Structure formats: C-alpha cells, structure tokens
Protein backbone atom coordinates (compact mmCIF):
# COMPACT_ATOMS: atom_id res chain seq x y z
CA MET A 1 -25.88 -0.39 -5.29
CA ALA A 2 -27.07 0.01 -1.69
CA ALA A 3 -24.60 -2.61 -0.49
CA THR A 4 -21.78 -0.79 -2.26
CA GLN A 5 -22.78 2.52 -0.70
CA GLU A 6 -22.92 0.92 2.72
CA ALA A 7 -19.45 -0.59 2.21
CA ILE A 8 -17.79 2.69 1.23
CA ASP A 9 -19.80 4.99 3.50
CA GLY A 10 -17.56 7.03 5.76
CA PHE A 11 -14.31 6.06 4.04
CA PHE A 12 -12.98 9.49 3.13
CA PRO A 13 -13.96 11.17 6.43
CA ALA A 14 -12.15 8.36 8.26
CA VAL A 15 -9.05 8.89 6.10
CA ALA A 16 -9.11 12.67 6.57
CA LYS A 17 -9.57 12.51 10.34
CA TYR A 18 -6.77 9.99 10.79
CA LEU A 19 -4.28 11.76 8.53
CA LYS A 20 -4.95 15.19 10.05
CA HIS A 21 -4.69 14.03 13.67
CA THR A 22 -1.61 14.93 15.67
CA PRO A 23 0.20 13.87 17.76
CA ASP A 24 0.73 10.41 16.37
CA GLY A 25 0.49 7.51 18.75
CA ASP A 26 -1.88 8.94 21.37
CA ASP A 27 -5.20 7.30 22.31
CA ASP A 28 -7.19 9.40 19.85
CA ASP A 29 -4.79 8.49 17.05
CA ALA A 30 -5.20 4.80 17.85
CA ALA A 31 -9.00 5.11 17.81
CA LEU A 32 -8.97 6.97 14.48
CA LYS A 33 -6.64 4.34 13.01
CA GLN A 34 -8.92 1.56 14.25
CA ASN A 35 -11.94 3.29 12.71
CA LEU A 36 -10.17 3.60 9.34
CA GLU A 37 -9.11 -0.04 9.47
CA GLY A 38 -12.74 -0.99 10.15
CA VAL A 39 -13.96 0.94 7.11
CA LEU A 40 -11.22 -0.63 4.97
CA GLY A 41 -12.29 -4.04 6.28
CA ARG A 42 -15.87 -3.38 5.15
CA ILE A 43 -14.66 -2.47 1.67
CA GLU A 44 -12.44 -5.54 1.52
CA GLN A 45 -15.31 -7.78 2.66
CA HIS A 46 -17.60 -6.25 0.03
CA LEU A 47 -15.03 -6.82 -2.72
CA SER A 48 -14.42 -10.42 -1.60
CA GLU A 49 -18.08 -11.16 -2.34
CA LYS A 50 -17.65 -10.12 -6.00
CA SER A 51 -16.42 -12.30 -8.85
CA GLY A 52 -14.63 -9.32 -10.41
CA PRO A 53 -12.46 -6.51 -9.08
CA PHE A 54 -15.10 -3.75 -9.07
CA LEU A 55 -17.62 -2.59 -6.47
CA VAL A 56 -21.09 -2.84 -8.06
CA GLY A 57 -23.09 -5.88 -9.20
CA ASP A 58 -20.94 -8.94 -9.79
CA GLY A 59 -17.85 -6.75 -9.97
CA ALA A 60 -17.33 -7.21 -13.68
CA GLU A 61 -17.83 -3.59 -14.77
CA PHE A 62 -16.13 -0.38 -13.72
CA THR A 63 -18.74 2.07 -12.41
CA LEU A 64 -19.00 5.57 -10.98
CA ALA A 65 -18.54 4.11 -7.48
CA ASP A 66 -15.14 2.73 -8.52
CA ALA A 67 -14.22 6.04 -10.18
CA SER A 68 -15.11 7.84 -6.96
CA LEU A 69 -13.23 5.48 -4.64
CA ALA A 70 -9.99 5.13 -6.65
CA PRO A 71 -8.59 8.63 -6.09
CA LYS A 72 -9.56 8.50 -2.43
CA LEU A 73 -7.57 5.28 -2.03
CA PHE A 74 -4.63 6.99 -3.73
CA HIS A 75 -4.87 9.97 -1.36
CA MET A 76 -4.96 7.57 1.57
CA GLN A 77 -1.86 5.73 0.31
CA VAL A 78 0.13 8.93 -0.20
CA GLY A 79 -1.03 10.40 3.12
CA LEU A 80 -0.14 7.27 5.04
CA GLN A 81 3.34 7.28 3.51
CA LYS A 82 3.92 10.99 4.10
CA PHE A 83 2.29 11.61 7.47
CA LYS A 84 1.81 8.29 9.26
CA ASP A 85 4.90 6.27 8.32
CA ASN A 86 2.79 3.62 6.49
CA ALA A 87 0.88 2.87 9.69
CA ILE A 88 -1.72 0.74 7.87
CA ASN A 89 -0.73 -2.14 5.59
C-alpha cells in the first residue's frame, strides 16, 4: 500500500494547480504542466508493474485507492478539455 500511496501522492494538487493557472502558456504554466506530467508518469509506472489494472497488490482487485483516484482522473480529463485545450495526452 505504501508504494501505491507514493505513486498517487500529490496527484490532485498538481491537477488543481495546473487547471486553475492563468494565463496559459507562460513559464509557470509550463512548469505546472511538467509537474502534472511527472505525477502521471509515476502513476503509469506503478500500474505497469502490476499484472492487473488496479493500484494495490498485484492489481487484481479494485480497492479504496482505485475508488479515490478514479473521480480525480475524470475531473482532470474534463478540466483539460474545458480549460487547457487537451494539453496533456
């Protein structure tokens, strides 16, 4: 569980800071985007080490960590579409 917590730590603050920042395209915006991409990379790396699609253990079972992360990912997706012109793929 500690590895999962480390992987997702700071995700939502990174999303919120990036989505709320204006103006788009300045140096601060680029740094916030890079920070969010780094956090997403940590999550992706963590998931690549699992045999299943979920965050904890071998990834075979849906857990509270997955239930917590899923709506945050949805908020990120909607926010990126609405406010940042899908700036992160």
